[in-house]
Amino acid sequence: MIVPGVSAFRGKRVLLLQGPVGPFFWRLAKDLTQAGAQVFKVNFNGGDWLFYPSGANNFRGYVEDWPAYFESILDRLHIDVVVFFGDCRPIHKVAHKIAQSRNLKIGVFEEGYIRPDYVTLERFGVNNNSLLPRNSEFYLNRSTPLIQNPIHVSHAYWYAALWAILYFFVAGLLKPGFKHYLHHRPLTWLEAVPWLRSYWAKVLFAIKEQGVLAHLTGKLKGTYFLVPLQVNNDAQVLAHSDFTSIVDFIEKVMSSFAQHAPAGTTLVIKHHPMDRGYHDYSRLITERENELGLQGRCIYIHDQNLPELLQHAQGVVVINSTVGLSALHHGTPLKVCGHALYDMAGLTYQGSLADFWRTDQQRKPNNNLLQCFQRYLVNYTQLNGSFYRRLHPEMSATGLSWNTKDNLVSAISSSPKWQEGETAGNYI
């Protein structure tokens, strides 16, 4: 267990790059400053500027100019630690490579591996870039503290929606000031439309899908395979899988199910709630149903209760979503089709997708291994809190519970990546 928590940044010169939409990085700077760090920031568009309006460097150049600009910032400000949200964004990939070449410490925030009560902070990288070992014995042979009960994060969706609408509106408004910046979504006020559409779609699907959950957990209990989709432009999909898109994933899963799943089983495809306002796969799924002869064996759903779906599923198929961890928590057999940090023998099915559909070849996760893995994950990579709303502002400027749930933040001040034959714990 790490004792210093945020105080590990004391005496460090920290550079913040792009954070999650909203004021989180502005608040993080206050936490770090109070801990004794000197904090600097780079903005890349008007949305970044909105939530960090003073004391930041505004990068306005072409993407080709970014490496030299970043190097000059590191030199001029004598940076020790570089911190950003997500390690697959082009600007962050470049920054990561340069920082690593200079032996600087790197801290990467990401959405919580365990949701909704945590956010992720890891040294070096997250998700498939994480330093966490993929070896079952590592976790089984470690003595890790028990997980303390976290403060529950509730009703963060509308905060996230508000920050996103403001972020994209101002980014569009100030586009002339950052005209060379490229984002993974259009930087205009029109980005508010999908969020509003998402709200109405939620209401509509609540009406259209009445009785679906009762049907799945009743008559179809234990006979359906759940396929939770991810956001269409999720870096997890684009960078940490062999799929070109969510459409590609849907088509391959449906084709495999049609060819190999036993009669009497059903495929349940669940839309991602954060993608509700952007994409609708109804036509695609209906067309493939007809082509593959799956009429009556495929159900497309949206906002049904996920824990109940996981609890009553025969199996779950994901690319690399954190829903996979929830499936393991419910003891549901899981097949990972991408690259995930929890995809290891004893937790997930290691055979082919074709074989996974056959009930006699499925394996439930090893509960002892799961408990050891989750304890390690929470204690050393997770912080209790949310990027979008503060748990209790009096706890810290970010509202994160820094002192009750420490993590790899202290490892930012310690050592490079653990080597084969050593344990990551040596550096914690």
Protein backbone atom coordinates (compact mmCIF):
# COMPACT_ATOMS: atom_id res chain seq x y z
CA MET A 1 0.00 0.00 0.00
CA ILE A 2 1.41 3.38 -0.97
CA VAL A 3 1.57 5.84 1.89
CA PRO A 4 2.32 9.24 0.31
CA GLY A 5 -0.46 9.33 -2.30
CA VAL A 6 -0.56 12.72 -4.01
CA SER A 7 2.40 13.87 -1.93
CA ALA A 8 4.57 11.73 -4.23
CA PHE A 9 4.48 14.77 -6.54
CA ARG A 10 6.12 17.02 -3.95
CA GLY A 11 9.05 18.90 -5.44
CA LYS A 12 8.24 17.77 -9.00
CA ARG A 13 7.73 19.98 -12.03
CA VAL A 14 4.61 18.53 -13.65
CA LEU A 15 3.35 19.17 -17.18
CA LEU A 16 -0.33 18.48 -17.84
CA LEU A 17 -1.36 17.83 -21.44
CA GLN A 18 -4.96 17.08 -22.49
CA GLY A 19 -7.36 15.92 -19.80
CA PRO A 20 -10.93 14.62 -19.73
CA VAL A 21 -13.56 17.14 -20.82
CA GLY A 22 -14.43 19.41 -17.94
CA PRO A 23 -12.55 21.12 -15.10
CA PHE A 24 -10.76 18.02 -13.77
CA PHE A 25 -7.24 19.03 -14.82
CA TRP A 26 -7.77 22.57 -13.47
CA ARG A 27 -8.69 21.02 -10.13
CA LEU A 28 -5.86 18.48 -10.40
CA ALA A 29 -3.39 21.34 -10.73
CA LYS A 30 -4.65 22.70 -7.41
CA ASP A 31 -4.21 19.32 -5.72
CA LEU A 32 -0.69 18.93 -7.08
CA THR A 33 0.28 22.49 -6.17
CA GLN A 34 -1.00 22.01 -2.64
CA ALA A 35 1.09 18.84 -2.46
CA GLY A 36 4.20 20.88 -3.29
CA ALA A 37 4.52 20.44 -7.05
CA GLN A 38 4.97 23.10 -9.72
CA VAL A 39 2.34 22.61 -12.39
CA PHE A 40 2.30 23.65 -16.04
CA LYS A 41 -0.28 23.02 -18.76
CA VAL A 42 -0.60 22.86 -22.56
CA ASN A 43 -3.94 23.62 -24.26
CA PHE A 44 -4.67 22.35 -27.76
CA ASN A 45 -8.08 23.84 -28.56
CA GLY A 46 -10.73 26.22 -27.25
CA GLY A 47 -12.34 23.50 -25.14
CA ASP A 48 -9.07 22.93 -23.31
CA TRP A 49 -8.72 26.69 -22.83
CA LEU A 50 -12.28 26.99 -21.43
CA PHE A 51 -11.46 24.68 -18.55
CA TYR A 52 -7.87 25.88 -18.08
CA PRO A 53 -8.05 29.57 -19.05
CA SER A 54 -4.97 30.98 -17.34
CA GLY A 55 -1.37 29.98 -16.80
CA ALA A 56 -1.28 27.55 -19.74
CA ASN A 57 0.75 27.34 -22.94
CA ASN A 58 -1.52 27.31 -26.00
CA PHE A 59 -0.23 25.13 -28.82
CA ARG A 60 -1.56 26.52 -32.10
CA GLY A 61 0.71 24.83 -34.64
CA TYR A 62 0.36 21.93 -37.06
CA VAL A 63 0.61 18.39 -35.77
CA GLU A 64 4.04 18.20 -37.44
CA ASP A 65 5.18 21.04 -35.18
CA TRP A 66 4.17 19.30 -31.97
CA PRO A 67 7.29 17.17 -31.30
CA ALA A 68 9.67 20.15 -31.48
CA TYR A 69 7.26 22.32 -29.47
CA PHE A 70 6.92 19.63 -26.80
CA GLU A 71 10.69 19.19 -26.55
CA SER A 72 11.14 22.93 -26.16
CA ILE A 73 8.55 23.02 -23.35
CA LEU A 74 10.34 20.19 -21.54
CA ASP A 75 13.65 22.02 -21.81
CA ARG A 76 12.38 25.48 -20.93
CA LEU A 77 10.33 24.38 -17.92
CA HIS A 78 12.69 21.60 -16.73
CA ILE A 79 9.81 19.10 -16.53
CA ASP A 80 10.12 15.98 -14.35
CA VAL A 81 6.69 14.42 -14.86
CA VAL A 82 4.26 14.44 -17.82
CA VAL A 83 0.60 13.68 -17.10
CA PHE A 84 -2.27 13.24 -19.55
CA PHE A 85 -5.62 11.52 -20.09
CA GLY A 86 -5.51 8.55 -22.46
CA ASP A 87 -2.32 7.33 -24.10
CA CYS A 88 -3.64 6.63 -27.61
CA ARG A 89 -4.37 10.19 -28.75
CA PRO A 90 -1.84 11.22 -31.44
CA ILE A 91 -0.48 14.14 -29.41
CA HIS A 92 -0.08 11.94 -26.35
CA LYS A 93 1.58 9.11 -28.26
CA VAL A 94 4.23 11.55 -29.48
CA ALA A 95 4.64 13.05 -26.01
CA HIS A 96 4.89 9.60 -24.45
CA LYS A 97 7.67 8.53 -26.83
CA ILE A 98 9.68 11.71 -26.24
CA ALA A 99 9.19 11.67 -22.45
CA GLN A 100 10.22 8.02 -22.31
CA SER A 101 13.36 8.71 -24.37
CA ARG A 102 14.30 11.36 -21.80
CA ASN A 103 13.59 9.04 -18.85
CA LEU A 104 10.89 11.37 -17.58
CA LYS A 105 8.11 10.01 -15.42
CA ILE A 106 4.77 9.51 -17.16
CA GLY A 107 1.35 9.42 -15.49
CA VAL A 108 -1.70 8.40 -17.49
CA PHE A 109 -5.29 8.94 -16.38
CA GLU A 110 -8.11 6.88 -17.87
CA GLU A 111 -11.70 6.00 -17.09
CA GLY A 112 -11.89 3.58 -14.18
CA TYR A 113 -11.14 -0.07 -14.75
CA ILE A 114 -13.67 -0.64 -11.96
CA ARG A 115 -16.74 1.51 -12.54
CA PRO A 116 -18.48 3.71 -11.58
CA ASP A 117 -16.63 4.47 -8.35
CA TYR A 118 -13.06 4.80 -9.60
CA VAL A 119 -10.79 6.53 -12.08
CA THR A 120 -7.52 5.05 -13.31
CA LEU A 121 -4.05 6.51 -12.81
CA GLU A 122 -1.09 4.43 -13.93
CA ARG A 123 2.56 5.00 -14.50
CA PHE A 124 3.64 4.65 -18.15
CA GLY A 125 0.37 3.52 -19.79
CA VAL A 126 -3.16 2.21 -19.41
CA ASN A 127 -5.29 -0.63 -20.74
CA ASN A 128 -3.14 -2.81 -23.01
CA ASN A 129 -0.20 -0.42 -22.49
CA SER A 130 -0.34 -0.97 -18.74
CA LEU A 131 2.71 -2.31 -16.91
CA LEU A 132 0.50 -4.73 -14.99
CA PRO A 133 1.67 -8.34 -15.44
CA ARG A 134 -0.56 -10.68 -17.46
CA ASN A 135 0.55 -13.61 -15.35
CA SER A 136 -1.91 -15.38 -13.05
CA GLU A 137 0.80 -16.54 -10.66
CA PHE A 138 1.90 -12.96 -10.02
CA TYR A 139 -1.46 -12.10 -8.44
CA LEU A 140 -1.99 -15.44 -6.70
CA ASN A 141 1.38 -15.22 -4.96
CA ARG A 142 1.07 -11.65 -3.67
CA SER A 143 -0.30 -10.45 -0.37
CA THR A 144 -2.38 -7.41 -1.29
CA PRO A 145 -4.50 -5.32 1.12
CA LEU A 146 -8.23 -5.84 1.07
CA ILE A 147 -10.29 -3.31 -0.87
CA GLN A 148 -11.83 -0.64 1.30
CA ASN A 149 -15.43 0.32 0.62
CA PRO A 150 -15.32 3.27 -1.81
CA ILE A 151 -17.51 6.35 -1.62
CA HIS A 152 -20.21 5.77 -4.21
CA VAL A 153 -20.15 7.96 -7.33
CA SER A 154 -23.68 8.68 -8.49
CA HIS A 155 -25.37 10.77 -11.17
CA ALA A 156 -22.19 11.72 -13.05
CA TYR A 157 -23.77 11.35 -16.51
CA TRP A 158 -25.36 14.79 -16.62
CA TYR A 159 -22.16 16.42 -15.42
CA ALA A 160 -20.28 14.67 -18.22
CA ALA A 161 -22.94 15.76 -20.71
CA LEU A 162 -22.74 19.39 -19.55
CA TRP A 163 -18.92 19.48 -19.73
CA ALA A 164 -18.97 17.86 -23.18
CA ILE A 165 -21.51 20.33 -24.58
CA LEU A 166 -19.56 23.30 -23.20
CA TYR A 167 -16.24 21.85 -24.36
CA PHE A 168 -17.31 21.29 -27.95
CA PHE A 169 -19.27 24.53 -28.18
CA VAL A 170 -16.32 26.68 -27.10
CA ALA A 171 -13.86 24.58 -29.12
CA GLY A 172 -15.96 25.31 -32.20
CA LEU A 173 -16.30 28.97 -31.30
CA LEU A 174 -12.55 29.39 -30.85
CA LYS A 175 -11.57 27.18 -33.78
CA PRO A 176 -9.90 30.13 -35.60
CA GLY A 177 -7.46 30.44 -32.71
CA PHE A 178 -6.47 26.75 -32.93
CA LYS A 179 -7.17 26.18 -36.64
CA HIS A 180 -4.59 23.42 -37.12
CA TYR A 181 -5.82 21.18 -34.30
CA LEU A 182 -7.36 17.81 -35.29
CA HIS A 183 -9.80 16.08 -32.94
CA HIS A 184 -11.42 12.64 -33.07
CA ARG A 185 -14.86 14.29 -33.22
CA PRO A 186 -16.01 17.48 -34.95
CA LEU A 187 -15.13 20.50 -32.79
CA THR A 188 -18.38 22.42 -33.27
CA TRP A 189 -21.43 23.33 -31.22
CA LEU A 190 -23.26 20.68 -33.25
CA GLU A 191 -21.72 18.11 -30.90
CA ALA A 192 -24.50 19.11 -28.50
CA VAL A 193 -26.99 17.47 -30.87
CA PRO A 194 -25.90 13.85 -30.22
CA TRP A 195 -26.09 14.43 -26.46
CA LEU A 196 -29.64 15.76 -26.78
CA ARG A 197 -30.50 12.96 -29.19
CA SER A 198 -29.11 10.51 -26.66
CA TYR A 199 -31.54 11.74 -24.01
CA TRP A 200 -34.57 11.30 -26.25
CA ALA A 201 -33.32 7.94 -27.46
CA LYS A 202 -33.02 6.80 -23.85
CA VAL A 203 -36.68 7.69 -23.28
CA LEU A 204 -37.73 6.04 -26.53
CA PHE A 205 -35.86 2.79 -25.88
CA ALA A 206 -37.20 2.62 -22.33
CA ILE A 207 -40.66 2.43 -23.90
CA LYS A 208 -39.78 0.15 -26.82
CA GLU A 209 -37.83 -2.31 -24.71
CA GLN A 210 -40.33 -2.77 -21.90
CA GLY A 211 -40.39 -6.40 -20.83
CA VAL A 212 -37.09 -7.26 -22.55
CA LEU A 213 -35.13 -7.62 -19.31
CA ALA A 214 -37.81 -9.84 -17.78
CA HIS A 215 -37.72 -12.00 -20.92
CA LEU A 216 -33.94 -12.35 -20.83
CA THR A 217 -33.71 -13.07 -17.12
CA GLY A 218 -36.78 -15.31 -17.21
CA LYS A 219 -37.45 -17.50 -20.24
CA LEU A 220 -33.99 -16.99 -21.78
CA LYS A 221 -32.07 -17.18 -18.51
CA GLY A 222 -28.77 -18.98 -18.99
CA THR A 223 -29.28 -19.46 -22.74
CA TYR A 224 -28.08 -16.15 -24.19
CA PHE A 225 -24.66 -14.71 -24.93
CA LEU A 226 -24.25 -11.02 -24.15
CA VAL A 227 -22.15 -8.81 -26.45
CA PRO A 228 -21.66 -5.33 -24.93
CA LEU A 229 -20.53 -2.87 -27.59
CA GLN A 230 -18.02 -0.08 -27.07
CA VAL A 231 -18.01 3.51 -28.30
CA ASN A 232 -17.37 3.58 -32.04
CA ASN A 233 -14.20 5.68 -31.87
CA ASP A 234 -12.88 4.11 -28.66
CA ALA A 235 -9.08 3.97 -28.77
CA GLN A 236 -9.40 0.59 -27.08
CA VAL A 237 -10.98 -0.71 -30.28
CA LEU A 238 -8.81 1.16 -32.77
CA ALA A 239 -5.46 0.67 -31.01
CA HIS A 240 -5.88 -2.49 -28.92
CA SER A 241 -7.75 -4.87 -31.19
CA ASP A 242 -7.63 -6.26 -34.71
CA PHE A 243 -11.09 -4.88 -35.51
CA THR A 244 -11.39 -1.88 -37.80
CA SER A 245 -14.65 -0.68 -36.24
CA ILE A 246 -17.63 -1.70 -34.11
CA VAL A 247 -19.39 -2.68 -37.35
CA ASP A 248 -16.53 -5.07 -38.11
CA PHE A 249 -16.84 -6.57 -34.62
CA ILE A 250 -20.61 -7.02 -34.90
CA GLU A 251 -20.36 -8.71 -38.28
CA LYS A 252 -17.65 -11.15 -37.18
CA VAL A 253 -19.38 -12.04 -33.91
CA MET A 254 -22.73 -12.61 -35.61
CA SER A 255 -21.11 -14.72 -38.32
CA SER A 256 -19.27 -16.85 -35.76
CA PHE A 257 -22.43 -17.28 -33.68
CA ALA A 258 -24.44 -18.35 -36.73
CA GLN A 259 -21.85 -20.96 -37.66
CA HIS A 260 -20.92 -22.39 -34.27
CA ALA A 261 -23.45 -21.59 -31.52
CA PRO A 262 -25.73 -24.45 -30.48
CA ALA A 263 -29.42 -24.34 -31.36
CA GLY A 264 -31.52 -22.84 -28.61
CA THR A 265 -29.01 -20.11 -27.75
CA THR A 266 -29.58 -16.39 -28.34
CA LEU A 267 -27.20 -13.55 -29.17
CA VAL A 268 -27.91 -10.32 -27.25
CA ILE A 269 -26.09 -7.23 -28.54
CA LYS A 270 -26.11 -4.27 -26.15
CA HIS A 271 -25.44 -0.72 -27.37
CA HIS A 272 -23.03 1.46 -25.41
CA PRO A 273 -24.91 4.25 -23.56
CA MET A 274 -22.28 6.89 -24.44
CA ASP A 275 -22.66 6.06 -28.13
CA ARG A 276 -26.46 6.20 -28.11
CA GLY A 277 -26.67 9.63 -29.71
CA TYR A 278 -24.08 8.88 -32.40
CA HIS A 279 -24.79 5.47 -33.91
CA ASP A 280 -27.63 3.03 -34.43
CA TYR A 281 -26.85 -0.51 -35.57
CA SER A 282 -30.46 -1.66 -35.96
CA ARG A 283 -30.41 -1.89 -39.75
CA LEU A 284 -27.02 -3.62 -39.84
CA ILE A 285 -28.05 -6.24 -37.28
CA THR A 286 -31.40 -6.89 -38.99
CA GLU A 287 -29.69 -7.31 -42.36
CA ARG A 288 -27.13 -9.74 -40.96
CA GLU A 289 -29.86 -11.65 -39.12
CA ASN A 290 -31.60 -12.30 -42.42
CA GLU A 291 -28.39 -13.15 -44.28
CA LEU A 292 -27.16 -15.55 -41.60
CA GLY A 293 -30.49 -17.19 -40.78
CA LEU A 294 -30.58 -15.83 -37.23
CA GLN A 295 -34.17 -14.62 -37.24
CA GLY A 296 -35.52 -14.87 -33.71
CA ARG A 297 -32.07 -15.63 -32.26
CA CYS A 298 -30.62 -12.13 -32.10
CA ILE A 299 -31.78 -9.28 -29.82
CA TYR A 300 -30.47 -5.71 -29.97
CA ILE A 301 -30.92 -3.76 -26.72
CA HIS A 302 -29.86 -0.44 -25.24
CA ASP A 303 -30.42 0.56 -21.61
CA GLN A 304 -31.24 -2.66 -19.79
CA ASN A 305 -29.73 -3.26 -16.36
CA LEU A 306 -26.21 -4.55 -17.04
CA PRO A 307 -25.56 -6.42 -13.75
CA GLU A 308 -28.75 -8.46 -14.22
CA LEU A 309 -27.84 -9.20 -17.83
CA LEU A 310 -24.37 -10.37 -16.81
CA GLN A 311 -25.69 -12.47 -13.95
CA HIS A 312 -28.08 -14.43 -16.17
CA ALA A 313 -25.95 -14.75 -19.33
CA GLN A 314 -24.48 -18.03 -20.48
CA GLY A 315 -21.38 -16.15 -21.59
CA VAL A 316 -20.10 -12.69 -22.48
CA VAL A 317 -18.08 -11.60 -25.53
CA VAL A 318 -16.18 -8.28 -25.51
CA ILE A 319 -13.45 -6.60 -27.49
CA ASN A 320 -11.63 -5.26 -24.42
CA SER A 321 -14.30 -3.33 -22.52
CA THR A 322 -14.18 -2.89 -18.76
CA VAL A 323 -17.58 -4.62 -18.82
CA GLY A 324 -15.42 -7.71 -19.04
CA LEU A 325 -14.30 -7.16 -15.46
CA SER A 326 -17.94 -6.84 -14.41
CA ALA A 327 -18.70 -10.15 -16.14
CA LEU A 328 -15.89 -11.82 -14.22
CA HIS A 329 -17.24 -10.32 -10.99
CA HIS A 330 -20.56 -12.08 -11.70
CA GLY A 331 -18.78 -15.36 -12.41
CA THR A 332 -19.84 -15.34 -16.06
CA PRO A 333 -17.61 -17.05 -18.66
CA LEU A 334 -15.87 -14.39 -20.74
CA LYS A 335 -14.24 -14.32 -24.17
CA VAL A 336 -12.01 -11.32 -25.00
CA CYS A 337 -11.60 -10.66 -28.72
CA GLY A 338 -9.14 -7.76 -28.42
CA HIS A 339 -6.23 -7.11 -26.08
CA ALA A 340 -7.18 -6.51 -22.44
CA LEU A 341 -5.11 -6.34 -19.27
CA TYR A 342 -7.42 -8.89 -17.59
CA ASP A 343 -7.22 -11.43 -20.45
CA MET A 344 -5.25 -14.22 -18.77
CA ALA A 345 -5.56 -17.92 -18.05
CA GLY A 346 -7.83 -18.53 -15.09
CA LEU A 347 -9.94 -15.44 -15.72
CA THR A 348 -10.98 -15.51 -19.39
CA TYR A 349 -11.61 -18.22 -21.94
CA GLN A 350 -8.36 -18.76 -23.84
CA GLY A 351 -9.76 -20.78 -26.74
CA SER A 352 -11.29 -19.55 -29.97
CA LEU A 353 -14.55 -17.65 -30.29
CA ALA A 354 -15.93 -20.54 -32.33
CA ASP A 355 -15.37 -22.89 -29.40
CA PHE A 356 -16.63 -20.40 -26.82
CA TRP A 357 -20.22 -20.75 -28.03
CA ARG A 358 -20.19 -24.45 -27.17
CA THR A 359 -21.31 -24.77 -23.58
CA ASP A 360 -19.23 -27.82 -22.73
CA GLN A 361 -16.01 -25.89 -23.43
CA GLN A 362 -16.74 -22.82 -21.33
CA ARG A 363 -14.94 -22.15 -18.09
CA LYS A 364 -16.01 -19.88 -15.26
CA PRO A 365 -13.34 -17.54 -13.88
CA ASN A 366 -11.24 -18.68 -10.94
CA ASN A 367 -12.75 -16.71 -8.07
CA ASN A 368 -9.59 -16.75 -5.95
CA LEU A 369 -7.53 -15.37 -8.85
CA LEU A 370 -10.21 -12.79 -9.58
CA GLN A 371 -10.19 -11.53 -5.99
CA CYS A 372 -6.39 -11.29 -5.97
CA PHE A 373 -6.36 -9.48 -9.32
CA GLN A 374 -9.08 -7.01 -8.36
CA ARG A 375 -7.43 -6.22 -5.03
CA TYR A 376 -4.17 -5.46 -6.79
CA LEU A 377 -5.93 -3.46 -9.51
CA VAL A 378 -7.88 -1.28 -7.08
CA ASN A 379 -5.04 -0.74 -4.61
CA TYR A 380 -2.42 0.21 -7.19
CA THR A 381 -4.20 1.67 -10.23
CA GLN A 382 -7.52 3.10 -9.06
CA LEU A 383 -8.57 6.27 -7.25
CA ASN A 384 -11.99 6.56 -5.69
CA GLY A 385 -13.81 9.38 -7.49
CA SER A 386 -14.96 10.73 -10.84
CA PHE A 387 -13.56 13.00 -13.53
CA TYR A 388 -16.91 14.71 -13.96
CA ARG A 389 -18.21 15.41 -10.47
CA ARG A 390 -16.49 15.77 -7.13
CA LEU A 391 -17.32 13.26 -4.41
CA HIS A 392 -16.71 15.74 -1.63
CA PRO A 393 -14.98 19.04 -2.52
CA GLU A 394 -13.61 19.31 1.00
CA MET A 395 -11.54 16.15 0.43
CA SER A 396 -9.49 17.69 -2.38
CA ALA A 397 -9.89 20.12 -5.26
CA THR A 398 -10.56 17.20 -7.62
CA GLY A 399 -12.86 15.50 -5.14
CA LEU A 400 -10.73 12.37 -5.48
CA SER A 401 -10.04 10.32 -2.38
CA TRP A 402 -6.26 10.52 -2.65
CA ASN A 403 -5.45 9.42 0.88
CA THR A 404 -7.83 6.50 1.33
CA LYS A 405 -7.08 4.77 -1.94
CA ASP A 406 -3.48 5.18 -3.06
CA ASN A 407 -2.11 3.86 -6.35
CA LEU A 408 0.82 3.82 -8.71
CA VAL A 409 1.16 7.58 -8.40
CA SER A 410 4.19 7.04 -6.16
CA ALA A 411 5.74 4.77 -8.76
CA ILE A 412 5.87 7.82 -11.03
CA SER A 413 8.74 8.91 -8.82
CA SER A 414 10.52 5.58 -8.78
CA SER A 415 11.59 3.26 -11.57
CA PRO A 416 11.32 2.24 -15.21
CA LYS A 417 9.22 -0.67 -16.42
CA TRP A 418 9.65 -3.90 -14.47
CA GLN A 419 11.79 -6.47 -16.22
CA GLU A 420 11.02 -10.09 -17.00
CA GLY A 421 11.62 -12.14 -13.89
CA GLU A 422 10.95 -9.23 -11.55
CA THR A 423 7.64 -8.16 -10.05
CA ALA A 424 5.98 -4.85 -10.54
CA GLY A 425 5.59 -4.76 -6.78
CA ASN A 426 9.33 -4.21 -6.43
CA TYR A 427 8.72 -0.69 -7.65
CA ILE A 428 5.64 0.14 -5.63
